[in-house]
Amino acid sequence: MTTLTTTPLAPLLNHLFAEADAARADTSAAVADLSDEARARLMRSKTEYRDLYGRLKNAPLPISRETGTLLYMLARSSQARTIVEFGTSFGISTLHLAAALRDNGGGHLITTEFEPSKVARARANLTAGGLIDLVEIREGDALHTLGTGLPDTVDLVLLDGAKALYPDILSLVESRLRPGAIIVADNADDSPDYLTQVRAPASGYMSMPFGEDVELSMRIGSR
């Protein structure tokens, strides 16, 4: 038995995933007036992404169930105690990571989200899941909220916010990554600069695509 598979977290996650499935139509409608080219431009822009995510402020934008399980397994198997997450949304990924910390014996998860209404939803979900004591939610632009006050050593990073900022966020935490630290980037295909960064031979990372929408990387040393 694990925190992930027992009450109160298991039924809460079932509810949140079902809620996210039911919201797909509304999520699609929020960007229906944008062409594919416009969506791609907003997704990859370092200055215009707020327009896209502003449209989606009521959308859960969750990880998949499979990615959630992967996050839990990676955090458990690496005995992670310090985790940084970029992009909280409603807290579904945060719940999986915090559950792993609980089952690892404790730890500290720093997560950041710039949409205030999503911060409130995430905090409520983490409270309902009995995991809020392990999580620090920082509200605001991640380039600022993760610019200071990070732990000396970071064991695992999840990138699941504005895709254009993935290289910048990685740079903020890079000096704190221990050898063997894991970096999971969701929807990394929408951040080609990030993929170039972590896949470069001299990058200090070992990296590969995992599944349909995840880039899985490991810190192997200093640059």
N, C-alpha and C. Protein backbone atom coordinates (compact mmCIF):
# COMPACT_ATOMS: atom_id res chain seq x y z
N MET A 1 0.85 -1.19 0.00
CA MET A 1 0.00 0.00 0.00
C MET A 1 0.88 1.24 0.00
N THR A 2 0.47 2.24 -0.75
CA THR A 2 1.21 3.50 -0.82
C THR A 2 0.26 4.67 -0.60
N THR A 3 0.82 5.82 -0.32
CA THR A 3 0.00 7.03 -0.20
C THR A 3 -0.77 7.28 -1.49
N LEU A 4 -0.15 6.95 -2.62
CA LEU A 4 -0.76 7.20 -3.93
C LEU A 4 -2.02 6.35 -4.16
N THR A 5 -2.06 5.18 -3.57
CA THR A 5 -3.13 4.23 -3.88
C THR A 5 -4.14 4.06 -2.77
N THR A 6 -4.07 4.88 -1.73
CA THR A 6 -4.99 4.74 -0.61
C THR A 6 -5.71 6.06 -0.35
N THR A 7 -6.73 6.00 0.49
CA THR A 7 -7.49 7.19 0.90
C THR A 7 -6.61 8.07 1.80
N PRO A 8 -6.67 9.39 1.62
CA PRO A 8 -7.63 10.16 0.81
C PRO A 8 -7.16 10.47 -0.61
N LEU A 9 -5.91 10.12 -0.94
CA LEU A 9 -5.36 10.60 -2.20
C LEU A 9 -5.93 9.88 -3.42
N ALA A 10 -6.07 8.58 -3.36
CA ALA A 10 -6.52 7.83 -4.54
C ALA A 10 -7.88 8.31 -5.05
N PRO A 11 -8.91 8.42 -4.20
CA PRO A 11 -10.20 8.91 -4.72
C PRO A 11 -10.13 10.37 -5.16
N LEU A 12 -9.30 11.17 -4.51
CA LEU A 12 -9.15 12.56 -4.92
C LEU A 12 -8.57 12.63 -6.33
N LEU A 13 -7.54 11.86 -6.61
CA LEU A 13 -6.95 11.87 -7.95
C LEU A 13 -7.93 11.36 -9.00
N ASN A 14 -8.69 10.34 -8.66
CA ASN A 14 -9.71 9.86 -9.60
C ASN A 14 -10.69 10.98 -9.94
N HIS A 15 -11.10 11.73 -8.93
CA HIS A 15 -12.02 12.85 -9.14
C HIS A 15 -11.37 13.93 -10.00
N LEU A 16 -10.13 14.27 -9.73
CA LEU A 16 -9.46 15.34 -10.46
C LEU A 16 -9.20 14.96 -11.91
N PHE A 17 -8.82 13.73 -12.16
CA PHE A 17 -8.63 13.29 -13.55
C PHE A 17 -9.96 13.26 -14.30
N ALA A 18 -11.03 12.81 -13.64
CA ALA A 18 -12.35 12.82 -14.28
C ALA A 18 -12.80 14.24 -14.57
N GLU A 19 -12.54 15.15 -13.65
CA GLU A 19 -12.87 16.56 -13.83
C GLU A 19 -12.10 17.14 -15.02
N ALA A 20 -10.83 16.77 -15.13
CA ALA A 20 -10.01 17.26 -16.24
C ALA A 20 -10.51 16.72 -17.57
N ASP A 21 -10.91 15.45 -17.59
CA ASP A 21 -11.47 14.87 -18.82
C ASP A 21 -12.73 15.61 -19.25
N ALA A 22 -13.58 15.93 -18.27
CA ALA A 22 -14.84 16.61 -18.57
C ALA A 22 -14.61 18.04 -19.06
N ALA A 23 -13.46 18.61 -18.73
CA ALA A 23 -13.17 20.00 -19.11
C ALA A 23 -12.49 20.13 -20.46
N ARG A 24 -12.24 19.03 -21.14
CA ARG A 24 -11.50 19.09 -22.40
C ARG A 24 -12.17 19.98 -23.44
N ALA A 25 -13.48 19.89 -23.53
CA ALA A 25 -14.20 20.69 -24.52
C ALA A 25 -14.05 22.18 -24.23
N ASP A 26 -14.18 22.56 -22.97
CA ASP A 26 -14.03 23.97 -22.60
C ASP A 26 -12.60 24.45 -22.84
N THR A 27 -11.64 23.57 -22.59
CA THR A 27 -10.25 23.92 -22.83
C THR A 27 -10.01 24.18 -24.30
N SER A 28 -10.54 23.31 -25.14
CA SER A 28 -10.39 23.48 -26.59
C SER A 28 -11.08 24.75 -27.06
N ALA A 29 -12.24 25.04 -26.48
CA ALA A 29 -12.99 26.24 -26.89
C ALA A 29 -12.23 27.52 -26.55
N ALA A 30 -11.42 27.50 -25.49
CA ALA A 30 -10.70 28.69 -25.06
C ALA A 30 -9.64 29.14 -26.06
N VAL A 31 -9.21 28.22 -26.91
CA VAL A 31 -8.19 28.56 -27.91
C VAL A 31 -8.68 28.27 -29.33
N ALA A 32 -9.99 28.09 -29.48
CA ALA A 32 -10.54 27.70 -30.78
C ALA A 32 -10.33 28.76 -31.86
N ASP A 33 -10.22 30.02 -31.47
CA ASP A 33 -10.05 31.09 -32.46
C ASP A 33 -8.61 31.25 -32.92
N LEU A 34 -7.69 30.48 -32.34
CA LEU A 34 -6.29 30.56 -32.73
C LEU A 34 -5.96 29.49 -33.76
N SER A 35 -5.23 29.87 -34.77
CA SER A 35 -4.77 28.89 -35.75
C SER A 35 -3.69 28.03 -35.12
N ASP A 36 -3.38 26.90 -35.76
CA ASP A 36 -2.31 26.05 -35.25
C ASP A 36 -0.99 26.81 -35.20
N GLU A 37 -0.77 27.66 -36.20
CA GLU A 37 0.47 28.44 -36.24
C GLU A 37 0.52 29.44 -35.08
N ALA A 38 -0.62 30.06 -34.78
CA ALA A 38 -0.66 31.03 -33.69
C ALA A 38 -0.44 30.35 -32.34
N ARG A 39 -1.03 29.18 -32.17
CA ARG A 39 -0.83 28.44 -30.92
C ARG A 39 0.63 28.07 -30.74
N ALA A 40 1.24 27.58 -31.82
CA ALA A 40 2.65 27.20 -31.75
C ALA A 40 3.53 28.40 -31.42
N ARG A 41 3.20 29.55 -32.01
CA ARG A 41 3.99 30.76 -31.76
C ARG A 41 3.88 31.18 -30.29
N LEU A 42 2.65 31.18 -29.77
CA LEU A 42 2.45 31.56 -28.37
C LEU A 42 3.12 30.56 -27.43
N MET A 43 3.06 29.29 -27.79
CA MET A 43 3.65 28.25 -26.95
C MET A 43 5.16 28.41 -26.85
N ARG A 44 5.78 28.85 -27.94
CA ARG A 44 7.24 28.89 -27.99
C ARG A 44 7.82 30.29 -27.75
N SER A 45 6.94 31.26 -27.51
CA SER A 45 7.39 32.62 -27.29
C SER A 45 7.73 32.85 -25.81
N LYS A 46 8.83 33.55 -25.56
CA LYS A 46 9.20 33.87 -24.18
C LYS A 46 8.52 35.14 -23.69
N THR A 47 7.77 35.80 -24.56
CA THR A 47 7.11 37.05 -24.17
C THR A 47 5.59 36.99 -24.30
N GLU A 48 5.07 36.10 -25.12
CA GLU A 48 3.63 36.07 -25.40
C GLU A 48 2.91 34.88 -24.78
N TYR A 49 3.62 34.02 -24.07
CA TYR A 49 2.99 32.83 -23.52
C TYR A 49 1.89 33.16 -22.52
N ARG A 50 1.97 34.33 -21.88
CA ARG A 50 0.94 34.69 -20.89
C ARG A 50 -0.43 34.84 -21.53
N ASP A 51 -0.47 35.23 -22.79
CA ASP A 51 -1.75 35.33 -23.49
C ASP A 51 -2.38 33.95 -23.60
N LEU A 52 -1.57 32.97 -23.99
CA LEU A 52 -2.09 31.61 -24.12
C LEU A 52 -2.56 31.07 -22.78
N TYR A 53 -1.73 31.17 -21.77
CA TYR A 53 -2.08 30.59 -20.47
C TYR A 53 -3.16 31.41 -19.76
N GLY A 54 -3.27 32.69 -20.11
CA GLY A 54 -4.38 33.47 -19.59
C GLY A 54 -5.71 32.95 -20.09
N ARG A 55 -5.74 32.54 -21.34
CA ARG A 55 -6.95 31.93 -21.89
C ARG A 55 -7.30 30.62 -21.18
N LEU A 56 -6.28 29.97 -20.66
CA LEU A 56 -6.46 28.64 -20.08
C LEU A 56 -6.43 28.65 -18.55
N LYS A 57 -6.72 29.81 -17.96
CA LYS A 57 -6.59 29.93 -16.51
C LYS A 57 -7.58 29.05 -15.75
N ASN A 58 -8.67 28.65 -16.40
CA ASN A 58 -9.63 27.77 -15.73
C ASN A 58 -9.47 26.31 -16.13
N ALA A 59 -8.45 26.02 -16.93
CA ALA A 59 -8.24 24.66 -17.42
C ALA A 59 -7.26 23.91 -16.52
N PRO A 60 -7.55 22.65 -16.20
CA PRO A 60 -6.66 21.89 -15.32
C PRO A 60 -5.27 21.64 -15.93
N LEU A 61 -5.21 21.44 -17.25
CA LEU A 61 -3.95 21.16 -17.95
C LEU A 61 -3.13 20.11 -17.21
N PRO A 62 -3.71 18.93 -16.96
CA PRO A 62 -3.02 17.96 -16.11
C PRO A 62 -2.00 17.13 -16.88
N ILE A 63 -1.08 16.54 -16.16
CA ILE A 63 -0.29 15.44 -16.69
C ILE A 63 -1.23 14.27 -16.93
N SER A 64 -0.77 13.28 -17.68
CA SER A 64 -1.55 12.06 -17.85
C SER A 64 -1.44 11.19 -16.60
N ARG A 65 -2.35 10.25 -16.48
CA ARG A 65 -2.26 9.30 -15.35
C ARG A 65 -0.94 8.55 -15.38
N GLU A 66 -0.51 8.19 -16.59
CA GLU A 66 0.73 7.44 -16.73
C GLU A 66 1.94 8.27 -16.29
N THR A 67 1.94 9.56 -16.67
CA THR A 67 3.04 10.43 -16.26
C THR A 67 3.03 10.63 -14.76
N GLY A 68 1.84 10.73 -14.18
CA GLY A 68 1.74 10.85 -12.73
C GLY A 68 2.36 9.65 -12.02
N THR A 69 2.04 8.46 -12.50
CA THR A 69 2.63 7.25 -11.91
C THR A 69 4.13 7.24 -12.11
N LEU A 70 4.59 7.66 -13.29
CA LEU A 70 6.03 7.74 -13.55
C LEU A 70 6.71 8.67 -12.56
N LEU A 71 6.12 9.84 -12.33
CA LEU A 71 6.71 10.80 -11.39
C LEU A 71 6.84 10.18 -10.00
N TYR A 72 5.78 9.53 -9.55
CA TYR A 72 5.81 8.89 -8.24
C TYR A 72 6.93 7.85 -8.17
N MET A 73 7.02 7.01 -9.21
CA MET A 73 8.02 5.95 -9.21
C MET A 73 9.45 6.51 -9.26
N LEU A 74 9.66 7.54 -10.06
CA LEU A 74 10.99 8.14 -10.14
C LEU A 74 11.40 8.77 -8.81
N ALA A 75 10.47 9.47 -8.20
CA ALA A 75 10.79 10.11 -6.92
C ALA A 75 11.04 9.07 -5.83
N ARG A 76 10.26 8.00 -5.83
CA ARG A 76 10.48 6.94 -4.84
C ARG A 76 11.78 6.22 -5.07
N SER A 77 12.03 5.80 -6.32
CA SER A 77 13.21 4.98 -6.59
C SER A 77 14.51 5.75 -6.39
N SER A 78 14.46 7.08 -6.57
CA SER A 78 15.65 7.91 -6.35
C SER A 78 15.76 8.41 -4.92
N GLN A 79 14.79 8.03 -4.09
CA GLN A 79 14.75 8.47 -2.69
C GLN A 79 14.82 9.99 -2.59
N ALA A 80 14.08 10.66 -3.48
CA ALA A 80 14.09 12.12 -3.51
C ALA A 80 13.59 12.71 -2.20
N ARG A 81 14.23 13.77 -1.76
CA ARG A 81 13.81 14.52 -0.58
C ARG A 81 13.55 15.98 -0.91
N THR A 82 14.14 16.47 -2.00
CA THR A 82 13.94 17.86 -2.41
C THR A 82 13.54 17.88 -3.88
N ILE A 83 12.39 18.49 -4.17
CA ILE A 83 11.82 18.50 -5.51
C ILE A 83 11.43 19.92 -5.86
N VAL A 84 11.68 20.31 -7.12
CA VAL A 84 11.24 21.60 -7.64
C VAL A 84 10.32 21.35 -8.83
N GLU A 85 9.16 22.01 -8.82
CA GLU A 85 8.19 21.86 -9.90
C GLU A 85 7.88 23.22 -10.51
N PHE A 86 7.94 23.30 -11.82
CA PHE A 86 7.57 24.51 -12.56
C PHE A 86 6.23 24.27 -13.24
N GLY A 87 5.18 24.94 -12.74
CA GLY A 87 3.84 24.81 -13.32
C GLY A 87 2.95 23.94 -12.46
N THR A 88 2.31 24.54 -11.47
CA THR A 88 1.48 23.79 -10.53
C THR A 88 0.11 23.44 -11.10
N SER A 89 -0.52 24.40 -11.78
CA SER A 89 -1.90 24.30 -12.24
C SER A 89 -2.79 23.90 -11.06
N PHE A 90 -3.61 22.85 -11.19
CA PHE A 90 -4.50 22.46 -10.11
C PHE A 90 -3.82 21.52 -9.10
N GLY A 91 -2.56 21.17 -9.35
CA GLY A 91 -1.81 20.39 -8.37
C GLY A 91 -1.84 18.89 -8.56
N ILE A 92 -2.25 18.40 -9.70
CA ILE A 92 -2.31 16.95 -9.90
C ILE A 92 -0.91 16.35 -9.89
N SER A 93 0.02 16.94 -10.64
CA SER A 93 1.39 16.43 -10.62
C SER A 93 2.01 16.63 -9.23
N THR A 94 1.69 17.75 -8.60
CA THR A 94 2.21 18.04 -7.26
C THR A 94 1.79 16.97 -6.27
N LEU A 95 0.56 16.51 -6.37
CA LEU A 95 0.06 15.46 -5.49
C LEU A 95 0.86 14.16 -5.65
N HIS A 96 1.16 13.81 -6.89
CA HIS A 96 1.95 12.59 -7.13
C HIS A 96 3.34 12.71 -6.52
N LEU A 97 3.97 13.85 -6.72
CA LEU A 97 5.32 14.04 -6.20
C LEU A 97 5.34 14.11 -4.67
N ALA A 98 4.36 14.81 -4.10
CA ALA A 98 4.29 14.90 -2.65
C ALA A 98 3.99 13.55 -2.01
N ALA A 99 3.20 12.73 -2.70
CA ALA A 99 2.93 11.38 -2.19
C ALA A 99 4.22 10.58 -2.11
N ALA A 100 5.08 10.74 -3.11
CA ALA A 100 6.37 10.05 -3.08
C ALA A 100 7.23 10.54 -1.92
N LEU A 101 7.23 11.85 -1.68
CA LEU A 101 7.98 12.37 -0.54
C LEU A 101 7.46 11.78 0.77
N ARG A 102 6.15 11.72 0.90
CA ARG A 102 5.57 11.14 2.11
C ARG A 102 6.07 9.71 2.30
N ASP A 103 6.06 8.93 1.23
CA ASP A 103 6.45 7.53 1.34
C ASP A 103 7.97 7.36 1.42
N ASN A 104 8.71 8.41 1.07
CA ASN A 104 10.16 8.40 1.27
C ASN A 104 10.56 8.81 2.69
N GLY A 105 9.57 9.19 3.48
CA GLY A 105 9.85 9.58 4.86
C GLY A 105 9.84 11.07 5.09
N GLY A 106 9.46 11.85 4.06
CA GLY A 106 9.38 13.30 4.20
C GLY A 106 10.26 14.01 3.19
N GLY A 107 10.16 15.34 3.21
CA GLY A 107 10.95 16.13 2.28
C GLY A 107 10.29 17.47 2.03
N HIS A 108 10.73 18.13 0.97
CA HIS A 108 10.26 19.48 0.67
C HIS A 108 10.08 19.61 -0.84
N LEU A 109 8.89 20.01 -1.24
CA LEU A 109 8.56 20.23 -2.65
C LEU A 109 8.25 21.72 -2.84
N ILE A 110 9.01 22.39 -3.70
CA ILE A 110 8.74 23.78 -4.06
C ILE A 110 8.08 23.78 -5.43
N THR A 111 6.90 24.34 -5.52
CA THR A 111 6.19 24.43 -6.80
C THR A 111 5.78 25.87 -7.03
N THR A 112 5.66 26.25 -8.30
CA THR A 112 5.39 27.65 -8.61
C THR A 112 4.33 27.77 -9.70
N GLU A 113 3.46 28.78 -9.55
CA GLU A 113 2.33 29.00 -10.47
C GLU A 113 2.02 30.49 -10.50
N PHE A 114 1.85 31.06 -11.71
CA PHE A 114 1.61 32.51 -11.77
C PHE A 114 0.13 32.88 -11.77
N GLU A 115 -0.78 31.93 -11.93
CA GLU A 115 -2.21 32.22 -11.94
C GLU A 115 -2.78 32.06 -10.53
N PRO A 116 -3.22 33.16 -9.87
CA PRO A 116 -3.68 33.08 -8.48
C PRO A 116 -4.82 32.09 -8.25
N SER A 117 -5.77 32.01 -9.17
CA SER A 117 -6.89 31.09 -8.97
C SER A 117 -6.42 29.63 -8.97
N LYS A 118 -5.39 29.34 -9.75
CA LYS A 118 -4.86 27.98 -9.77
C LYS A 118 -4.08 27.68 -8.49
N VAL A 119 -3.41 28.68 -7.97
CA VAL A 119 -2.72 28.50 -6.68
C VAL A 119 -3.73 28.10 -5.61
N ALA A 120 -4.86 28.78 -5.60
CA ALA A 120 -5.90 28.47 -4.60
C ALA A 120 -6.44 27.06 -4.79
N ARG A 121 -6.67 26.66 -6.04
CA ARG A 121 -7.17 25.31 -6.31
C ARG A 121 -6.15 24.27 -5.89
N ALA A 122 -4.90 24.51 -6.22
CA ALA A 122 -3.85 23.54 -5.87
C ALA A 122 -3.72 23.40 -4.36
N ARG A 123 -3.75 24.53 -3.67
CA ARG A 123 -3.62 24.48 -2.21
C ARG A 123 -4.78 23.68 -1.60
N ALA A 124 -5.98 23.88 -2.10
CA ALA A 124 -7.14 23.14 -1.61
C ALA A 124 -7.00 21.65 -1.88
N ASN A 125 -6.51 21.30 -3.07
CA ASN A 125 -6.35 19.89 -3.41
C ASN A 125 -5.27 19.23 -2.56
N LEU A 126 -4.18 19.93 -2.33
CA LEU A 126 -3.11 19.38 -1.50
C LEU A 126 -3.56 19.22 -0.05
N THR A 127 -4.38 20.14 0.40
CA THR A 127 -4.94 20.01 1.75
C THR A 127 -5.87 18.81 1.82
N ALA A 128 -6.72 18.66 0.83
CA ALA A 128 -7.65 17.52 0.80
C ALA A 128 -6.90 16.19 0.72
N GLY A 129 -5.77 16.20 0.04
CA GLY A 129 -4.98 14.98 -0.09
C GLY A 129 -4.07 14.70 1.09
N GLY A 130 -4.06 15.60 2.07
CA GLY A 130 -3.25 15.40 3.27
C GLY A 130 -1.76 15.58 3.04
N LEU A 131 -1.39 16.41 2.05
CA LEU A 131 0.02 16.53 1.68
C LEU A 131 0.53 17.97 1.72
N ILE A 132 -0.30 18.90 2.13
CA ILE A 132 0.07 20.32 2.08
C ILE A 132 1.29 20.62 2.95
N ASP A 133 1.53 19.83 3.98
CA ASP A 133 2.67 20.09 4.87
C ASP A 133 4.02 19.86 4.20
N LEU A 134 4.02 19.17 3.07
CA LEU A 134 5.27 18.87 2.36
C LEU A 134 5.55 19.84 1.22
N VAL A 135 4.60 20.75 0.97
CA VAL A 135 4.65 21.56 -0.26
C VAL A 135 4.68 23.05 0.06
N GLU A 136 5.56 23.76 -0.63
CA GLU A 136 5.61 25.21 -0.61
C GLU A 136 5.19 25.72 -1.98
N ILE A 137 4.07 26.41 -2.05
CA ILE A 137 3.58 26.95 -3.31
C ILE A 137 4.02 28.41 -3.42
N ARG A 138 4.77 28.71 -4.47
CA ARG A 138 5.21 30.08 -4.71
C ARG A 138 4.40 30.67 -5.86
N GLU A 139 3.72 31.78 -5.57
CA GLU A 139 2.86 32.41 -6.57
C GLU A 139 3.63 33.51 -7.31
N GLY A 140 3.58 33.47 -8.64
CA GLY A 140 4.23 34.49 -9.43
C GLY A 140 5.02 33.91 -10.59
N ASP A 141 5.76 34.77 -11.27
CA ASP A 141 6.58 34.38 -12.40
C ASP A 141 7.73 33.50 -11.91
N ALA A 142 7.85 32.31 -12.47
CA ALA A 142 8.86 31.36 -12.01
C ALA A 142 10.28 31.88 -12.17
N LEU A 143 10.50 32.77 -13.13
CA LEU A 143 11.84 33.33 -13.29
C LEU A 143 12.25 34.13 -12.06
N HIS A 144 11.25 34.58 -11.29
CA HIS A 144 11.52 35.28 -10.03
C HIS A 144 11.36 34.35 -8.83
N THR A 145 10.28 33.57 -8.80
CA THR A 145 10.01 32.75 -7.62
C THR A 145 11.04 31.65 -7.42
N LEU A 146 11.66 31.20 -8.51
CA LEU A 146 12.69 30.16 -8.39
C LEU A 146 14.09 30.74 -8.50
N GLY A 147 14.17 32.06 -8.52
CA GLY A 147 15.48 32.71 -8.63
C GLY A 147 16.25 32.75 -7.32
N THR A 148 15.55 32.56 -6.21
CA THR A 148 16.19 32.57 -4.89
C THR A 148 15.53 31.54 -3.99
N GLY A 149 16.18 31.24 -2.89
CA GLY A 149 15.56 30.40 -1.87
C GLY A 149 15.40 28.94 -2.24
N LEU A 150 16.26 28.43 -3.11
CA LEU A 150 16.20 27.01 -3.43
C LEU A 150 17.08 26.23 -2.46
N PRO A 151 16.75 24.96 -2.23
CA PRO A 151 17.61 24.15 -1.35
C PRO A 151 18.99 23.97 -1.97
N ASP A 152 19.97 23.65 -1.13
CA ASP A 152 21.33 23.47 -1.61
C ASP A 152 21.43 22.33 -2.62
N THR A 153 20.62 21.30 -2.41
CA THR A 153 20.63 20.14 -3.29
C THR A 153 19.21 19.84 -3.75
N VAL A 154 19.05 19.63 -5.06
CA VAL A 154 17.75 19.27 -5.63
C VAL A 154 17.86 17.88 -6.25
N ASP A 155 16.91 17.02 -5.90
CA ASP A 155 16.94 15.63 -6.35
C ASP A 155 16.13 15.39 -7.62
N LEU A 156 15.07 16.17 -7.81
CA LEU A 156 14.18 15.93 -8.95
C LEU A 156 13.53 17.24 -9.35
N VAL A 157 13.39 17.45 -10.65
CA VAL A 157 12.74 18.65 -11.19
C VAL A 157 11.66 18.22 -12.17
N LEU A 158 10.49 18.83 -12.07
CA LEU A 158 9.44 18.66 -13.07
C LEU A 158 9.22 19.99 -13.77
N LEU A 159 9.33 19.98 -15.09
CA LEU A 159 9.04 21.15 -15.91
C LEU A 159 7.71 20.92 -16.61
N ASP A 160 6.72 21.73 -16.25
CA ASP A 160 5.39 21.57 -16.85
C ASP A 160 4.65 22.90 -16.88
N GLY A 161 5.40 23.98 -17.09
CA GLY A 161 4.80 25.30 -17.24
C GLY A 161 4.94 25.78 -18.67
N ALA A 162 5.16 27.08 -18.84
CA ALA A 162 5.33 27.65 -20.18
C ALA A 162 6.55 27.02 -20.84
N LYS A 163 6.33 26.37 -21.97
CA LYS A 163 7.38 25.55 -22.58
C LYS A 163 8.60 26.37 -22.99
N ALA A 164 8.38 27.61 -23.42
CA ALA A 164 9.49 28.44 -23.86
C ALA A 164 10.47 28.74 -22.74
N LEU A 165 10.03 28.60 -21.50
CA LEU A 165 10.89 28.93 -20.36
C LEU A 165 11.66 27.72 -19.82
N TYR A 166 11.47 26.55 -20.39
CA TYR A 166 12.16 25.37 -19.86
C TYR A 166 13.67 25.57 -19.75
N PRO A 167 14.37 26.09 -20.80
CA PRO A 167 15.82 26.28 -20.65
C PRO A 167 16.17 27.24 -19.51
N ASP A 168 15.39 28.30 -19.36
CA ASP A 168 15.67 29.30 -18.32
C ASP A 168 15.46 28.72 -16.93
N ILE A 169 14.39 27.95 -16.76
CA ILE A 169 14.12 27.36 -15.44
C ILE A 169 15.19 26.33 -15.09
N LEU A 170 15.59 25.53 -16.07
CA LEU A 170 16.65 24.56 -15.81
C LEU A 170 17.93 25.28 -15.38
N SER A 171 18.23 26.39 -16.03
CA SER A 171 19.42 27.15 -15.67
C SER A 171 19.37 27.67 -14.24
N LEU A 172 18.17 28.01 -13.76
CA LEU A 172 18.02 28.51 -12.39
C LEU A 172 18.34 27.44 -11.35
N VAL A 173 17.99 26.20 -11.64
CA VAL A 173 18.17 25.13 -10.65
C VAL A 173 19.42 24.30 -10.89
N GLU A 174 20.07 24.51 -12.03
CA GLU A 174 21.13 23.60 -12.47
C GLU A 174 22.26 23.45 -11.45
N SER A 175 22.67 24.55 -10.85
CA SER A 175 23.80 24.48 -9.91
C SER A 175 23.45 23.71 -8.64
N ARG A 176 22.15 23.47 -8.42
CA ARG A 176 21.71 22.75 -7.22
C ARG A 176 21.50 21.26 -7.48
N LEU A 177 21.53 20.85 -8.73
CA LEU A 177 21.23 19.46 -9.06
C LEU A 177 22.37 18.54 -8.62
N ARG A 178 22.04 17.54 -7.86
CA ARG A 178 23.06 16.57 -7.47
C ARG A 178 23.34 15.63 -8.65
N PRO A 179 24.52 15.01 -8.70
CA PRO A 179 24.75 13.99 -9.72
C PRO A 179 23.70 12.89 -9.61
N GLY A 180 23.08 12.55 -10.71
CA GLY A 180 22.00 11.57 -10.70
C GLY A 180 20.62 12.18 -10.55
N ALA A 181 20.55 13.49 -10.36
CA ALA A 181 19.24 14.14 -10.25
C ALA A 181 18.44 13.93 -11.53
N ILE A 182 17.13 13.84 -11.38
CA ILE A 182 16.24 13.55 -12.50
C ILE A 182 15.48 14.81 -12.89
N ILE A 183 15.37 15.03 -14.19
CA ILE A 183 14.57 16.14 -14.72
C ILE A 183 13.53 15.56 -15.66
N VAL A 184 12.27 15.83 -15.39
CA VAL A 184 11.17 15.38 -16.23
C VAL A 184 10.55 16.61 -16.88
N ALA A 185 10.52 16.64 -18.21
CA ALA A 185 9.93 17.76 -18.93
C ALA A 185 8.72 17.26 -19.71
N ASP A 186 7.55 17.73 -19.31
CA ASP A 186 6.31 17.33 -19.99
C ASP A 186 6.13 18.17 -21.25
N ASN A 187 5.64 17.55 -22.30
CA ASN A 187 5.42 18.24 -23.58
C ASN A 187 6.67 18.95 -24.07
N ALA A 188 7.81 18.31 -23.91
CA ALA A 188 9.09 18.94 -24.24
C ALA A 188 9.26 19.19 -25.73
N ASP A 189 8.50 18.51 -26.58
CA ASP A 189 8.60 18.77 -28.02
C ASP A 189 8.24 20.21 -28.35
N ASP A 190 7.49 20.86 -27.47
CA ASP A 190 7.14 22.26 -27.68
C ASP A 190 8.24 23.21 -27.20
N SER A 191 9.36 22.66 -26.75
CA SER A 191 10.49 23.48 -26.32
C SER A 191 11.77 22.97 -27.00
N PRO A 192 11.91 23.22 -28.30
CA PRO A 192 13.08 22.69 -29.01
C PRO A 192 14.41 23.18 -28.45
N ASP A 193 14.45 24.41 -27.94
CA ASP A 193 15.70 24.90 -27.35
C ASP A 193 16.09 24.08 -26.13
N TYR A 194 15.10 23.66 -25.35
CA TYR A 194 15.37 22.83 -24.18
C TYR A 194 15.93 21.47 -24.62
N LEU A 195 15.32 20.87 -25.63
CA LEU A 195 15.79 19.57 -26.09
C LEU A 195 17.22 19.66 -26.61
N THR A 196 17.53 20.73 -27.32
CA THR A 196 18.90 20.93 -27.78
C THR A 196 19.86 21.04 -26.60
N GLN A 197 19.40 21.74 -25.56
CA GLN A 197 20.24 21.96 -24.38
C GLN A 197 20.57 20.65 -23.67
N VAL A 198 19.57 19.82 -23.38
CA VAL A 198 19.82 18.63 -22.57
C VAL A 198 20.37 17.46 -23.38
N ARG A 199 20.18 17.49 -24.70
CA ARG A 199 20.67 16.38 -25.53
C ARG A 199 22.07 16.62 -26.09
N ALA A 200 22.61 17.81 -25.91
CA ALA A 200 23.96 18.10 -26.41
C ALA A 200 24.98 17.20 -25.71
N PRO A 201 25.95 16.65 -26.43
CA PRO A 201 26.91 15.70 -25.85
C PRO A 201 27.64 16.24 -24.62
N ALA A 202 27.96 17.52 -24.61
CA ALA A 202 28.72 18.09 -23.49
C ALA A 202 27.83 18.82 -22.49
N SER A 203 26.55 18.51 -22.47
CA SER A 203 25.59 19.26 -21.65
C SER A 203 25.67 18.95 -20.17
N GLY A 204 26.21 17.78 -19.85
CA GLY A 204 26.18 17.35 -18.45
C GLY A 204 24.93 16.56 -18.11
N TYR A 205 24.16 16.19 -19.16
CA TYR A 205 22.95 15.40 -18.96
C TYR A 205 22.95 14.17 -19.86
N MET A 206 22.28 13.14 -19.42
CA MET A 206 21.88 12.03 -20.27
C MET A 206 20.38 12.19 -20.46
N SER A 207 19.91 12.19 -21.70
CA SER A 207 18.51 12.55 -21.94
C SER A 207 17.93 11.73 -23.08
N MET A 208 16.64 11.44 -22.95
CA MET A 208 15.95 10.68 -23.99
C MET A 208 14.45 10.93 -23.90
N PRO A 209 13.75 10.80 -25.04
CA PRO A 209 12.29 10.88 -24.98
C PRO A 209 11.73 9.64 -24.30
N PHE A 210 10.67 9.85 -23.54
CA PHE A 210 10.06 8.74 -22.81
C PHE A 210 8.56 8.81 -23.06
N GLY A 211 8.01 7.80 -23.70
CA GLY A 211 6.60 7.86 -24.05
C GLY A 211 6.36 8.88 -25.14
N GLU A 212 5.14 9.37 -25.21
CA GLU A 212 4.75 10.27 -26.29
C GLU A 212 5.06 11.72 -26.01
N ASP A 213 5.16 12.11 -24.76
CA ASP A 213 5.21 13.55 -24.48
C ASP A 213 6.14 13.95 -23.34
N VAL A 214 7.07 13.09 -22.98
CA VAL A 214 7.96 13.37 -21.85
C VAL A 214 9.41 13.25 -22.30
N GLU A 215 10.24 14.19 -21.87
CA GLU A 215 11.69 14.06 -22.00
C GLU A 215 12.24 13.77 -20.62
N LEU A 216 12.96 12.67 -20.50
CA LEU A 216 13.49 12.22 -19.23
C LEU A 216 15.01 12.39 -19.26
N SER A 217 15.52 13.18 -18.32
CA SER A 217 16.95 13.50 -18.30
C SER A 217 17.53 13.21 -16.93
N MET A 218 18.83 12.97 -16.91
CA MET A 218 19.54 12.73 -15.66
C MET A 218 20.81 13.58 -15.66
N ARG A 219 21.07 14.24 -14.55
CA ARG A 219 22.28 15.04 -14.40
C ARG A 219 23.46 14.09 -14.17
N ILE A 220 24.47 14.18 -15.01
CA ILE A 220 25.60 13.24 -14.90
C ILE A 220 26.89 13.94 -14.49
N GLY A 221 26.87 15.27 -14.32
CA GLY A 221 28.06 15.95 -13.89
C GLY A 221 27.98 17.42 -14.17
N SER A 222 29.03 18.15 -13.86
CA SER A 222 29.09 19.58 -14.09
C SER A 222 29.55 19.85 -15.50
N ARG A 223 29.11 21.01 -16.02
CA ARG A 223 29.54 21.40 -17.35
C ARG A 223 31.00 21.81 -17.34
